[in-house]
Amino acid sequence: MQIIPTRVHGILDYGVSLLLIAAPYGLGFADGTAAQFVPQALGVLTILASLVTDYELSLTKIIPMPVHLALDVGSAVFLAASPWLLGFADRIAWPHVTFGLIEIVVAMLTRRTPDARSLTASL
């Protein structure tokens, strides 16, 4: 069931990316380690991917929406697993797991193609 329009997904992409970049500071794990840099790097990469995805809120239409969603799932799985993969689960894990799981659910619920009317209206 794909109930999230691509326009809404785009808004979530940019918003969650900013949260991922800011989370280490707001949640107290800005310690210069992988715990901090993994969400921040994924936030920046998501913004860059969003700017070139074939949906309403991009600057150019290079990456097809299904590819974008696959990248979202891959980065979300990495984010959720990163505390154990990179050895910081004993200090902090819940933000990584929470954001990762939310991103997976959002990707699974997002439509695979933008609404043609809203895509042409955004040009």
PDB file of N, CA and C in Angstrom:
ATOM      1  N   MET A   1       0.838  -1.172   0.000  1.00  0.00           N
ATOM      2  CA  MET A   1       0.000   0.000   0.000  1.00  0.00           C
ATOM      3  C   MET A   1       0.890   1.245   0.000  1.00  0.00           C
ATOM      4  N   GLN A   2       0.835   1.997  -1.060  1.00  0.00           N
ATOM      5  CA  GLN A   2       1.676   3.190  -1.226  1.00  0.00           C
ATOM      6  C   GLN A   2       0.797   4.427  -1.087  1.00  0.00           C
ATOM      7  N   ILE A   3       0.751   4.966   0.114  1.00  0.00           N
ATOM      8  CA  ILE A   3      -0.174   6.046   0.413  1.00  0.00           C
ATOM      9  C   ILE A   3       0.484   7.419   0.504  1.00  0.00           C
ATOM     10  N   ILE A   4       1.808   7.465   0.537  1.00  0.00           N
ATOM     11  CA  ILE A   4       2.498   8.749   0.674  1.00  0.00           C
ATOM     12  C   ILE A   4       2.832   9.284  -0.713  1.00  0.00           C
ATOM     13  N   PRO A   5       2.292  10.447  -1.083  1.00  0.00           N
ATOM     14  CA  PRO A   5       2.639  11.038  -2.376  1.00  0.00           C
ATOM     15  C   PRO A   5       4.121  11.427  -2.416  1.00  0.00           C
ATOM     16  N   THR A   6       4.681  11.445  -3.603  1.00  0.00           N
ATOM     17  CA  THR A   6       6.102  11.782  -3.730  1.00  0.00           C
ATOM     18  C   THR A   6       6.395  13.201  -3.254  1.00  0.00           C
ATOM     19  N   ARG A   7       5.463  14.115  -3.401  1.00  0.00           N
ATOM     20  CA  ARG A   7       5.663  15.486  -2.897  1.00  0.00           C
ATOM     21  C   ARG A   7       5.844  15.465  -1.378  1.00  0.00           C
ATOM     22  N   VAL A   8       5.017  14.718  -0.682  1.00  0.00           N
ATOM     23  CA  VAL A   8       5.136  14.593   0.773  1.00  0.00           C
ATOM     24  C   VAL A   8       6.449  13.899   1.127  1.00  0.00           C
ATOM     25  N   HIS A   9       6.807  12.880   0.358  1.00  0.00           N
ATOM     26  CA  HIS A   9       8.081  12.197   0.599  1.00  0.00           C
ATOM     27  C   HIS A   9       9.240  13.191   0.475  1.00  0.00           C
ATOM     28  N   GLY A  10       9.168  14.069  -0.507  1.00  0.00           N
ATOM     29  CA  GLY A  10      10.211  15.077  -0.675  1.00  0.00           C
ATOM     30  C   GLY A  10      10.324  15.994   0.532  1.00  0.00           C
ATOM     31  N   ILE A  11       9.191  16.429   1.040  1.00  0.00           N
ATOM     32  CA  ILE A  11       9.200  17.273   2.240  1.00  0.00           C
ATOM     33  C   ILE A  11       9.840  16.515   3.402  1.00  0.00           C
ATOM     34  N   LEU A  12       9.452  15.244   3.551  1.00  0.00           N
ATOM     35  CA  LEU A  12      10.037  14.417   4.610  1.00  0.00           C
ATOM     36  C   LEU A  12      11.535  14.224   4.400  1.00  0.00           C
ATOM     37  N   ASP A  13      11.957  14.031   3.147  1.00  0.00           N
ATOM     38  CA  ASP A  13      13.387  13.871   2.858  1.00  0.00           C
ATOM     39  C   ASP A  13      14.190  15.040   3.408  1.00  0.00           C
ATOM     40  N   TYR A  14      13.784  16.241   3.035  1.00  0.00           N
ATOM     41  CA  TYR A  14      14.541  17.416   3.468  1.00  0.00           C
ATOM     42  C   TYR A  14      14.444  17.626   4.979  1.00  0.00           C
ATOM     43  N   GLY A  15      13.253  17.429   5.544  1.00  0.00           N
ATOM     44  CA  GLY A  15      13.080  17.612   6.985  1.00  0.00           C
ATOM     45  C   GLY A  15      13.858  16.604   7.814  1.00  0.00           C
ATOM     46  N   VAL A  16      13.750  15.338   7.451  1.00  0.00           N
ATOM     47  CA  VAL A  16      14.465  14.295   8.193  1.00  0.00           C
ATOM     48  C   VAL A  16      15.974  14.459   8.009  1.00  0.00           C
ATOM     49  N   SER A  17      16.401  14.860   6.834  1.00  0.00           N
ATOM     50  CA  SER A  17      17.836  15.091   6.612  1.00  0.00           C
ATOM     51  C   SER A  17      18.375  16.145   7.569  1.00  0.00           C
ATOM     52  N   LEU A  18      17.628  17.232   7.717  1.00  0.00           N
ATOM     53  CA  LEU A  18      18.055  18.278   8.658  1.00  0.00           C
ATOM     54  C   LEU A  18      18.048  17.767  10.096  1.00  0.00           C
ATOM     55  N   LEU A  19      17.068  16.937  10.429  1.00  0.00           N
ATOM     56  CA  LEU A  19      17.046  16.333  11.765  1.00  0.00           C
ATOM     57  C   LEU A  19      18.254  15.423  11.993  1.00  0.00           C
ATOM     58  N   LEU A  20      18.603  14.638  10.969  1.00  0.00           N
ATOM     59  CA  LEU A  20      19.764  13.754  11.095  1.00  0.00           C
ATOM     60  C   LEU A  20      21.054  14.556  11.300  1.00  0.00           C
ATOM     61  N   ILE A  21      21.151  15.673  10.634  1.00  0.00           N
ATOM     62  CA  ILE A  21      22.339  16.521  10.769  1.00  0.00           C
ATOM     63  C   ILE A  21      22.393  17.159  12.155  1.00  0.00           C
ATOM     64  N   ALA A  22      21.240  17.569  12.675  1.00  0.00           N
ATOM     65  CA  ALA A  22      21.192  18.267  13.965  1.00  0.00           C
ATOM     66  C   ALA A  22      21.095  17.328  15.169  1.00  0.00           C
ATOM     67  N   ALA A  23      20.598  16.119  14.983  1.00  0.00           N
ATOM     68  CA  ALA A  23      20.320  15.208  16.099  1.00  0.00           C
ATOM     69  C   ALA A  23      21.500  15.000  17.053  1.00  0.00           C
ATOM     70  N   PRO A  24      22.711  14.810  16.560  1.00  0.00           N
ATOM     71  CA  PRO A  24      23.806  14.592  17.507  1.00  0.00           C
ATOM     72  C   PRO A  24      23.979  15.742  18.508  1.00  0.00           C
ATOM     73  N   TYR A  25      23.719  16.964  18.062  1.00  0.00           N
ATOM     74  CA  TYR A  25      23.856  18.108  18.960  1.00  0.00           C
ATOM     75  C   TYR A  25      22.679  18.174  19.935  1.00  0.00           C
ATOM     76  N   GLY A  26      21.483  17.987  19.420  1.00  0.00           N
ATOM     77  CA  GLY A  26      20.298  18.071  20.266  1.00  0.00           C
ATOM     78  C   GLY A  26      20.139  16.913  21.229  1.00  0.00           C
ATOM     79  N   LEU A  27      20.659  15.755  20.864  1.00  0.00           N
ATOM     80  CA  LEU A  27      20.492  14.560  21.699  1.00  0.00           C
ATOM     81  C   LEU A  27      21.758  14.180  22.465  1.00  0.00           C
ATOM     82  N   GLY A  28      22.791  15.003  22.363  1.00  0.00           N
ATOM     83  CA  GLY A  28      23.968  14.825  23.199  1.00  0.00           C
ATOM     84  C   GLY A  28      24.963  13.764  22.780  1.00  0.00           C
ATOM     85  N   PHE A  29      25.046  13.464  21.487  1.00  0.00           N
ATOM     86  CA  PHE A  29      26.088  12.523  21.066  1.00  0.00           C
ATOM     87  C   PHE A  29      26.982  13.107  19.967  1.00  0.00           C
ATOM     88  N   ALA A  30      27.167  14.417  20.015  1.00  0.00           N
ATOM     89  CA  ALA A  30      28.107  15.094  19.115  1.00  0.00           C
ATOM     90  C   ALA A  30      29.497  14.991  19.732  1.00  0.00           C
ATOM     91  N   ASP A  31      30.087  13.822  19.570  1.00  0.00           N
ATOM     92  CA  ASP A  31      31.350  13.525  20.237  1.00  0.00           C
ATOM     93  C   ASP A  31      32.506  13.282  19.272  1.00  0.00           C
ATOM     94  N   GLY A  32      32.301  13.589  17.999  1.00  0.00           N
ATOM     95  CA  GLY A  32      33.373  13.422  17.015  1.00  0.00           C
ATOM     96  C   GLY A  32      33.637  11.991  16.606  1.00  0.00           C
ATOM     97  N   THR A  33      32.697  11.095  16.904  1.00  0.00           N
ATOM     98  CA  THR A  33      32.876   9.690  16.544  1.00  0.00           C
ATOM     99  C   THR A  33      31.864   9.302  15.457  1.00  0.00           C
ATOM    100  N   ALA A  34      31.888   8.044  15.091  1.00  0.00           N
ATOM    101  CA  ALA A  34      30.948   7.534  14.088  1.00  0.00           C
ATOM    102  C   ALA A  34      29.501   7.725  14.522  1.00  0.00           C
ATOM    103  N   ALA A  35      29.244   7.693  15.815  1.00  0.00           N
ATOM    104  CA  ALA A  35      27.878   7.902  16.312  1.00  0.00           C
ATOM    105  C   ALA A  35      27.335   9.235  15.825  1.00  0.00           C
ATOM    106  N   GLN A  36      28.179  10.237  15.769  1.00  0.00           N
ATOM    107  CA  GLN A  36      27.786  11.556  15.281  1.00  0.00           C
ATOM    108  C   GLN A  36      27.801  11.618  13.759  1.00  0.00           C
ATOM    109  N   PHE A  37      28.855  11.122  13.152  1.00  0.00           N
ATOM    110  CA  PHE A  37      29.061  11.353  11.728  1.00  0.00           C
ATOM    111  C   PHE A  37      28.180  10.503  10.818  1.00  0.00           C
ATOM    112  N   VAL A  38      27.759   9.331  11.252  1.00  0.00           N
ATOM    113  CA  VAL A  38      26.907   8.489  10.408  1.00  0.00           C
ATOM    114  C   VAL A  38      25.585   9.186  10.091  1.00  0.00           C
ATOM    115  N   PRO A  39      24.808   9.629  11.094  1.00  0.00           N
ATOM    116  CA  PRO A  39      23.557  10.298  10.734  1.00  0.00           C
ATOM    117  C   PRO A  39      23.780  11.593   9.976  1.00  0.00           C
ATOM    118  N   GLN A  40      24.825  12.324  10.309  1.00  0.00           N
ATOM    119  CA  GLN A  40      25.078  13.579   9.613  1.00  0.00           C
ATOM    120  C   GLN A  40      25.441  13.341   8.148  1.00  0.00           C
ATOM    121  N   ALA A  41      26.292  12.370   7.892  1.00  0.00           N
ATOM    122  CA  ALA A  41      26.671  12.060   6.514  1.00  0.00           C
ATOM    123  C   ALA A  41      25.465  11.571   5.719  1.00  0.00           C
ATOM    124  N   LEU A  42      24.647  10.714   6.334  1.00  0.00           N
ATOM    125  CA  LEU A  42      23.454  10.226   5.635  1.00  0.00           C
ATOM    126  C   LEU A  42      22.455  11.353   5.402  1.00  0.00           C
ATOM    127  N   GLY A  43      22.371  12.298   6.311  1.00  0.00           N
ATOM    128  CA  GLY A  43      21.511  13.462   6.112  1.00  0.00           C
ATOM    129  C   GLY A  43      21.958  14.286   4.915  1.00  0.00           C
ATOM    130  N   VAL A  44      23.249  14.534   4.816  1.00  0.00           N
ATOM    131  CA  VAL A  44      23.782  15.298   3.678  1.00  0.00           C
ATOM    132  C   VAL A  44      23.568  14.527   2.371  1.00  0.00           C
ATOM    133  N   LEU A  45      23.850  13.229   2.379  1.00  0.00           N
ATOM    134  CA  LEU A  45      23.663  12.423   1.166  1.00  0.00           C
ATOM    135  C   LEU A  45      22.203  12.378   0.735  1.00  0.00           C
ATOM    136  N   THR A  46      21.287  12.346   1.689  1.00  0.00           N
ATOM    137  CA  THR A  46      19.868  12.339   1.346  1.00  0.00           C
ATOM    138  C   THR A  46      19.452  13.663   0.717  1.00  0.00           C
ATOM    139  N   ILE A  47      19.970  14.766   1.228  1.00  0.00           N
ATOM    140  CA  ILE A  47      19.681  16.063   0.609  1.00  0.00           C
ATOM    141  C   ILE A  47      20.193  16.079  -0.824  1.00  0.00           C
ATOM    142  N   LEU A  48      21.409  15.611  -1.030  1.00  0.00           N
ATOM    143  CA  LEU A  48      21.985  15.602  -2.388  1.00  0.00           C
ATOM    144  C   LEU A  48      21.170  14.715  -3.321  1.00  0.00           C
ATOM    145  N   ALA A  49      20.786  13.529  -2.855  1.00  0.00           N
ATOM    146  CA  ALA A  49      19.973  12.630  -3.680  1.00  0.00           C
ATOM    147  C   ALA A  49      18.612  13.257  -3.968  1.00  0.00           C
ATOM    148  N   SER A  50      18.043  13.925  -2.987  1.00  0.00           N
ATOM    149  CA  SER A  50      16.735  14.550  -3.163  1.00  0.00           C
ATOM    150  C   SER A  50      16.778  15.662  -4.209  1.00  0.00           C
ATOM    151  N   LEU A  51      17.877  16.359  -4.271  1.00  0.00           N
ATOM    152  CA  LEU A  51      18.012  17.448  -5.241  1.00  0.00           C
ATOM    153  C   LEU A  51      18.039  16.950  -6.681  1.00  0.00           C
ATOM    154  N   VAL A  52      18.347  15.664  -6.882  1.00  0.00           N
ATOM    155  CA  VAL A  52      18.446  15.131  -8.248  1.00  0.00           C
ATOM    156  C   VAL A  52      17.474  13.984  -8.511  1.00  0.00           C
ATOM    157  N   THR A  53      16.462  13.835  -7.657  1.00  0.00           N
ATOM    158  CA  THR A  53      15.469  12.769  -7.831  1.00  0.00           C
ATOM    159  C   THR A  53      14.336  13.255  -8.726  1.00  0.00           C
ATOM    160  N   ASP A  54      13.772  12.342  -9.485  1.00  0.00           N
ATOM    161  CA  ASP A  54      12.654  12.662 -10.382  1.00  0.00           C
ATOM    162  C   ASP A  54      11.358  12.768  -9.570  1.00  0.00           C
ATOM    163  N   TYR A  55      11.257  13.864  -8.794  1.00  0.00           N
ATOM    164  CA  TYR A  55      10.020  14.177  -8.090  1.00  0.00           C
ATOM    165  C   TYR A  55       9.874  15.680  -7.949  1.00  0.00           C
ATOM    166  N   GLU A  56       8.809  16.093  -7.331  1.00  0.00           N
ATOM    167  CA  GLU A  56       8.400  17.494  -7.354  1.00  0.00           C
ATOM    168  C   GLU A  56       9.373  18.461  -6.702  1.00  0.00           C
ATOM    169  N   LEU A  57      10.122  18.045  -5.719  1.00  0.00           N
ATOM    170  CA  LEU A  57      10.937  18.973  -4.937  1.00  0.00           C
ATOM    171  C   LEU A  57      12.426  18.895  -5.252  1.00  0.00           C
ATOM    172  N   SER A  58      12.763  18.538  -6.473  1.00  0.00           N
ATOM    173  CA  SER A  58      14.172  18.449  -6.847  1.00  0.00           C
ATOM    174  C   SER A  58      14.543  19.586  -7.796  1.00  0.00           C
ATOM    175  N   LEU A  59      15.834  19.765  -7.951  1.00  0.00           N
ATOM    176  CA  LEU A  59      16.323  20.767  -8.903  1.00  0.00           C
ATOM    177  C   LEU A  59      16.414  20.207 -10.311  1.00  0.00           C
ATOM    178  N   THR A  60      16.732  18.922 -10.396  1.00  0.00           N
ATOM    179  CA  THR A  60      16.852  18.256 -11.699  1.00  0.00           C
ATOM    180  C   THR A  60      16.374  16.815 -11.541  1.00  0.00           C
ATOM    181  N   LYS A  61      15.916  16.240 -12.603  1.00  0.00           N
ATOM    182  CA  LYS A  61      15.282  14.914 -12.548  1.00  0.00           C
ATOM    183  C   LYS A  61      16.232  13.849 -13.119  1.00  0.00           C
ATOM    184  N   ILE A  62      17.165  13.376 -12.305  1.00  0.00           N
ATOM    185  CA  ILE A  62      18.150  12.397 -12.768  1.00  0.00           C
ATOM    186  C   ILE A  62      17.854  11.000 -12.210  1.00  0.00           C
ATOM    187  N   ILE A  63      17.648  10.899 -10.906  1.00  0.00           N
ATOM    188  CA  ILE A  63      17.447   9.600 -10.260  1.00  0.00           C
ATOM    189  C   ILE A  63      15.966   9.242 -10.296  1.00  0.00           C
ATOM    190  N   PRO A  64      15.608   8.091 -10.867  1.00  0.00           N
ATOM    191  CA  PRO A  64      14.195   7.668 -10.837  1.00  0.00           C
ATOM    192  C   PRO A  64      13.731   7.429  -9.392  1.00  0.00           C
ATOM    193  N   MET A  65      12.465   7.651  -9.166  1.00  0.00           N
ATOM    194  CA  MET A  65      11.915   7.504  -7.811  1.00  0.00           C
ATOM    195  C   MET A  65      12.156   6.113  -7.210  1.00  0.00           C
ATOM    196  N   PRO A  66      11.977   5.019  -7.963  1.00  0.00           N
ATOM    197  CA  PRO A  66      12.270   3.706  -7.362  1.00  0.00           C
ATOM    198  C   PRO A  66      13.728   3.565  -6.905  1.00  0.00           C
ATOM    199  N   VAL A  67      14.660   4.160  -7.641  1.00  0.00           N
ATOM    200  CA  VAL A  67      16.071   4.120  -7.235  1.00  0.00           C
ATOM    201  C   VAL A  67      16.259   4.939  -5.960  1.00  0.00           C
ATOM    202  N   HIS A  68      15.644   6.105  -5.910  1.00  0.00           N
ATOM    203  CA  HIS A  68      15.716   6.949  -4.712  1.00  0.00           C
ATOM    204  C   HIS A  68      15.199   6.181  -3.491  1.00  0.00           C
ATOM    205  N   LEU A  69      14.076   5.504  -3.653  1.00  0.00           N
ATOM    206  CA  LEU A  69      13.498   4.751  -2.533  1.00  0.00           C
ATOM    207  C   LEU A  69      14.402   3.594  -2.112  1.00  0.00           C
ATOM    208  N   ALA A  70      15.041   2.943  -3.069  1.00  0.00           N
ATOM    209  CA  ALA A  70      15.995   1.878  -2.744  1.00  0.00           C
ATOM    210  C   ALA A  70      17.187   2.444  -1.976  1.00  0.00           C
ATOM    211  N   LEU A  71      17.662   3.618  -2.375  1.00  0.00           N
ATOM    212  CA  LEU A  71      18.744   4.280  -1.638  1.00  0.00           C
ATOM    213  C   LEU A  71      18.298   4.632  -0.220  1.00  0.00           C
ATOM    214  N   ASP A  72      17.055   5.096  -0.094  1.00  0.00           N
ATOM    215  CA  ASP A  72      16.512   5.400   1.232  1.00  0.00           C
ATOM    216  C   ASP A  72      16.530   4.166   2.127  1.00  0.00           C
ATOM    217  N   VAL A  73      16.061   3.043   1.606  1.00  0.00           N
ATOM    218  CA  VAL A  73      16.012   1.815   2.404  1.00  0.00           C
ATOM    219  C   VAL A  73      17.434   1.363   2.765  1.00  0.00           C
ATOM    220  N   GLY A  74      18.332   1.395   1.794  1.00  0.00           N
ATOM    221  CA  GLY A  74      19.709   0.986   2.071  1.00  0.00           C
ATOM    222  C   GLY A  74      20.375   1.849   3.130  1.00  0.00           C
ATOM    223  N   SER A  75      20.217   3.158   3.018  1.00  0.00           N
ATOM    224  CA  SER A  75      20.832   4.041   4.013  1.00  0.00           C
ATOM    225  C   SER A  75      20.151   3.889   5.372  1.00  0.00           C
ATOM    226  N   ALA A  76      18.844   3.633   5.375  1.00  0.00           N
ATOM    227  CA  ALA A  76      18.118   3.453   6.633  1.00  0.00           C
ATOM    228  C   ALA A  76      18.544   2.175   7.346  1.00  0.00           C
ATOM    229  N   VAL A  77      18.747   1.114   6.591  1.00  0.00           N
ATOM    230  CA  VAL A  77      19.224  -0.140   7.187  1.00  0.00           C
ATOM    231  C   VAL A  77      20.618   0.079   7.784  1.00  0.00           C
ATOM    232  N   PHE A  78      21.474   0.760   7.037  1.00  0.00           N
ATOM    233  CA  PHE A  78      22.813   1.057   7.548  1.00  0.00           C
ATOM    234  C   PHE A  78      22.736   1.916   8.803  1.00  0.00           C
ATOM    235  N   LEU A  79      21.890   2.955   8.772  1.00  0.00           N
ATOM    236  CA  LEU A  79      21.737   3.824   9.942  1.00  0.00           C
ATOM    237  C   LEU A  79      21.289   3.026  11.162  1.00  0.00           C
ATOM    238  N   ALA A  80      20.285   2.187  10.996  1.00  0.00           N
ATOM    239  CA  ALA A  80      19.757   1.403  12.112  1.00  0.00           C
ATOM    240  C   ALA A  80      20.781   0.397  12.641  1.00  0.00           C
ATOM    241  N   ALA A  81      21.586  -0.159  11.765  1.00  0.00           N
ATOM    242  CA  ALA A  81      22.577  -1.167  12.173  1.00  0.00           C
ATOM    243  C   ALA A  81      23.909  -0.559  12.601  1.00  0.00           C
ATOM    244  N   SER A  82      24.136   0.713  12.277  1.00  0.00           N
ATOM    245  CA  SER A  82      25.444   1.331  12.511  1.00  0.00           C
ATOM    246  C   SER A  82      25.929   1.278  13.957  1.00  0.00           C
ATOM    247  N   PRO A  83      25.076   1.378  14.961  1.00  0.00           N
ATOM    248  CA  PRO A  83      25.619   1.290  16.324  1.00  0.00           C
ATOM    249  C   PRO A  83      26.362  -0.021  16.604  1.00  0.00           C
ATOM    250  N   TRP A  84      25.901  -1.115  16.008  1.00  0.00           N
ATOM    251  CA  TRP A  84      26.551  -2.411  16.218  1.00  0.00           C
ATOM    252  C   TRP A  84      27.665  -2.632  15.200  1.00  0.00           C
ATOM    253  N   LEU A  85      27.436  -2.200  13.962  1.00  0.00           N
ATOM    254  CA  LEU A  85      28.472  -2.364  12.937  1.00  0.00           C
ATOM    255  C   LEU A  85      29.725  -1.564  13.265  1.00  0.00           C
ATOM    256  N   LEU A  86      29.540  -0.382  13.838  1.00  0.00           N
ATOM    257  CA  LEU A  86      30.665   0.518  14.083  1.00  0.00           C
ATOM    258  C   LEU A  86      31.054   0.614  15.558  1.00  0.00           C
ATOM    259  N   GLY A  87      30.409  -0.192  16.402  1.00  0.00           N
ATOM    260  CA  GLY A  87      30.854  -0.355  17.780  1.00  0.00           C
ATOM    261  C   GLY A  87      30.513   0.748  18.769  1.00  0.00           C
ATOM    262  N   PHE A  88      29.422   1.465  18.564  1.00  0.00           N
ATOM    263  CA  PHE A  88      29.061   2.478  19.555  1.00  0.00           C
ATOM    264  C   PHE A  88      27.703   2.208  20.206  1.00  0.00           C
ATOM    265  N   ALA A  89      27.178   1.006  20.057  1.00  0.00           N
ATOM    266  CA  ALA A  89      25.866   0.660  20.617  1.00  0.00           C
ATOM    267  C   ALA A  89      25.842   0.741  22.141  1.00  0.00           C
ATOM    268  N   ASP A  90      26.977   0.587  22.774  1.00  0.00           N
ATOM    269  CA  ASP A  90      27.010   0.678  24.231  1.00  0.00           C
ATOM    270  C   ASP A  90      26.813   2.106  24.726  1.00  0.00           C
ATOM    271  N   ARG A  91      27.022   3.100  23.852  1.00  0.00           N
ATOM    272  CA  ARG A  91      26.864   4.509  24.228  1.00  0.00           C
ATOM    273  C   ARG A  91      25.552   5.103  23.747  1.00  0.00           C
ATOM    274  N   ILE A  92      25.213   4.853  22.488  1.00  0.00           N
ATOM    275  CA  ILE A  92      24.000   5.449  21.903  1.00  0.00           C
ATOM    276  C   ILE A  92      23.556   4.587  20.729  1.00  0.00           C
ATOM    277  N   ALA A  93      22.288   4.266  20.679  1.00  0.00           N
ATOM    278  CA  ALA A  93      21.763   3.482  19.557  1.00  0.00           C
ATOM    279  C   ALA A  93      20.346   3.889  19.185  1.00  0.00           C
ATOM    280  N   TRP A  94      19.540   4.304  20.169  1.00  0.00           N
ATOM    281  CA  TRP A  94      18.117   4.508  19.904  1.00  0.00           C
ATOM    282  C   TRP A  94      17.828   5.545  18.820  1.00  0.00           C
ATOM    283  N   PRO A  95      18.561   6.673  18.694  1.00  0.00           N
ATOM    284  CA  PRO A  95      18.219   7.598  17.614  1.00  0.00           C
ATOM    285  C   PRO A  95      18.483   6.981  16.234  1.00  0.00           C
ATOM    286  N   HIS A  96      19.564   6.244  16.114  1.00  0.00           N
ATOM    287  CA  HIS A  96      19.934   5.620  14.852  1.00  0.00           C
ATOM    288  C   HIS A  96      18.890   4.582  14.444  1.00  0.00           C
ATOM    289  N   VAL A  97      18.510   3.749  15.394  1.00  0.00           N
ATOM    290  CA  VAL A  97      17.512   2.713  15.119  1.00  0.00           C
ATOM    291  C   VAL A  97      16.156   3.344  14.816  1.00  0.00           C
ATOM    292  N   THR A  98      15.751   4.318  15.602  1.00  0.00           N
ATOM    293  CA  THR A  98      14.451   4.955  15.417  1.00  0.00           C
ATOM    294  C   THR A  98      14.355   5.637  14.056  1.00  0.00           C
ATOM    295  N   PHE A  99      15.328   6.483  13.728  1.00  0.00           N
ATOM    296  CA  PHE A  99      15.313   7.166  12.429  1.00  0.00           C
ATOM    297  C   PHE A  99      15.385   6.154  11.294  1.00  0.00           C
ATOM    298  N   GLY A 100      16.206   5.129  11.453  1.00  0.00           N
ATOM    299  CA  GLY A 100      16.329   4.119  10.411  1.00  0.00           C
ATOM    300  C   GLY A 100      15.019   3.395  10.149  1.00  0.00           C
ATOM    301  N   LEU A 101      14.349   2.978  11.198  1.00  0.00           N
ATOM    302  CA  LEU A 101      13.075   2.262  11.033  1.00  0.00           C
ATOM    303  C   LEU A 101      11.996   3.168  10.437  1.00  0.00           C
ATOM    304  N   ILE A 102      11.958   4.404  10.870  1.00  0.00           N
ATOM    305  CA  ILE A 102      10.979   5.353  10.303  1.00  0.00           C
ATOM    306  C   ILE A 102      11.233   5.541   8.814  1.00  0.00           C
ATOM    307  N   GLU A 103      12.497   5.691   8.436  1.00  0.00           N
ATOM    308  CA  GLU A 103      12.828   5.866   7.016  1.00  0.00           C
ATOM    309  C   GLU A 103      12.417   4.652   6.184  1.00  0.00           C
ATOM    310  N   ILE A 104      12.593   3.463   6.711  1.00  0.00           N
ATOM    311  CA  ILE A 104      12.199   2.250   5.986  1.00  0.00           C
ATOM    312  C   ILE A 104      10.688   2.237   5.775  1.00  0.00           C
ATOM    313  N   VAL A 105       9.935   2.530   6.819  1.00  0.00           N
ATOM    314  CA  VAL A 105       8.474   2.540   6.708  1.00  0.00           C
ATOM    315  C   VAL A 105       8.017   3.588   5.696  1.00  0.00           C
ATOM    316  N   VAL A 106       8.585   4.778   5.772  1.00  0.00           N
ATOM    317  CA  VAL A 106       8.199   5.844   4.829  1.00  0.00           C
ATOM    318  C   VAL A 106       8.504   5.427   3.393  1.00  0.00           C
ATOM    319  N   ALA A 107       9.672   4.853   3.165  1.00  0.00           N
ATOM    320  CA  ALA A 107      10.025   4.419   1.800  1.00  0.00           C
ATOM    321  C   ALA A 107       9.055   3.356   1.293  1.00  0.00           C
ATOM    322  N   MET A 108       8.683   2.427   2.159  1.00  0.00           N
ATOM    323  CA  MET A 108       7.769   1.361   1.741  1.00  0.00           C
ATOM    324  C   MET A 108       6.363   1.890   1.448  1.00  0.00           C
ATOM    325  N   LEU A 109       5.984   2.988   2.081  1.00  0.00           N
ATOM    326  CA  LEU A 109       4.643   3.543   1.905  1.00  0.00           C
ATOM    327  C   LEU A 109       4.558   4.634   0.841  1.00  0.00           C
ATOM    328  N   THR A 110       5.687   4.954   0.218  1.00  0.00           N
ATOM    329  CA  THR A 110       5.715   6.041  -0.767  1.00  0.00           C
ATOM    330  C   THR A 110       5.396   5.531  -2.166  1.00  0.00           C
ATOM    331  N   ARG A 111       4.637   6.319  -2.888  1.00  0.00           N
ATOM    332  CA  ARG A 111       4.321   5.994  -4.282  1.00  0.00           C
ATOM    333  C   ARG A 111       5.598   5.977  -5.111  1.00  0.00           C
ATOM    334  N   ARG A 112       5.611   5.126  -6.108  1.00  0.00           N
ATOM    335  CA  ARG A 112       6.811   4.932  -6.935  1.00  0.00           C
ATOM    336  C   ARG A 112       6.937   5.947  -8.069  1.00  0.00           C
ATOM    337  N   THR A 113       5.856   6.643  -8.381  1.00  0.00           N
ATOM    338  CA  THR A 113       5.896   7.658  -9.440  1.00  0.00           C
ATOM    339  C   THR A 113       5.207   8.920  -8.948  1.00  0.00           C
ATOM    340  N   PRO A 114       5.756  10.069  -9.331  1.00  0.00           N
ATOM    341  CA  PRO A 114       5.093  11.317  -8.951  1.00  0.00           C
ATOM    342  C   PRO A 114       3.788  11.494  -9.723  1.00  0.00           C
ATOM    343  N   ASP A 115       2.872  12.225  -9.137  1.00  0.00           N
ATOM    344  CA  ASP A 115       1.632  12.574  -9.812  1.00  0.00           C
ATOM    345  C   ASP A 115       1.982  13.487 -10.982  1.00  0.00           C
ATOM    346  N   ALA A 116       1.588  13.122 -12.186  1.00  0.00           N
ATOM    347  CA  ALA A 116       1.959  13.879 -13.380  1.00  0.00           C
ATOM    348  C   ALA A 116       1.535  15.341 -13.285  1.00  0.00           C
ATOM    349  N   ARG A 117       0.368  15.596 -12.717  1.00  0.00           N
ATOM    350  CA  ARG A 117      -0.101  16.985 -12.612  1.00  0.00           C
ATOM    351  C   ARG A 117       0.790  17.788 -11.692  1.00  0.00           C
ATOM    352  N   SER A 118       1.169  17.247 -10.544  1.00  0.00           N
ATOM    353  CA  SER A 118       1.986  18.012  -9.611  1.00  0.00           C
ATOM    354  C   SER A 118       3.420  18.133 -10.111  1.00  0.00           C
ATOM    355  N   LEU A 119       3.895  17.147 -10.882  1.00  0.00           N
ATOM    356  CA  LEU A 119       5.249  17.222 -11.416  1.00  0.00           C
ATOM    357  C   LEU A 119       5.340  18.329 -12.457  1.00  0.00           C
ATOM    358  N   THR A 120       4.383  18.434 -13.355  1.00  0.00           N
ATOM    359  CA  THR A 120       4.426  19.496 -14.358  1.00  0.00           C
ATOM    360  C   THR A 120       4.152  20.857 -13.730  1.00  0.00           C
ATOM    361  N   ALA A 121       3.373  20.903 -12.661  1.00  0.00           N
ATOM    362  CA  ALA A 121       3.099  22.162 -11.989  1.00  0.00           C
ATOM    363  C   ALA A 121       4.340  22.674 -11.267  1.00  0.00           C
ATOM    364  N   SER A 122       5.242  21.777 -10.886  1.00  0.00           N
ATOM    365  CA  SER A 122       6.443  22.195 -10.154  1.00  0.00           C
ATOM    366  C   SER A 122       7.549  22.675 -11.078  1.00  0.00           C
ATOM    367  N   LEU A 123       7.396  22.485 -12.374  1.00  0.00           N
ATOM    368  CA  LEU A 123       8.445  22.889 -13.321  1.00  0.00           C
ATOM    369  C   LEU A 123       8.425  24.362 -13.609  1.00  0.00           C
TER     370      LEU A 123
END
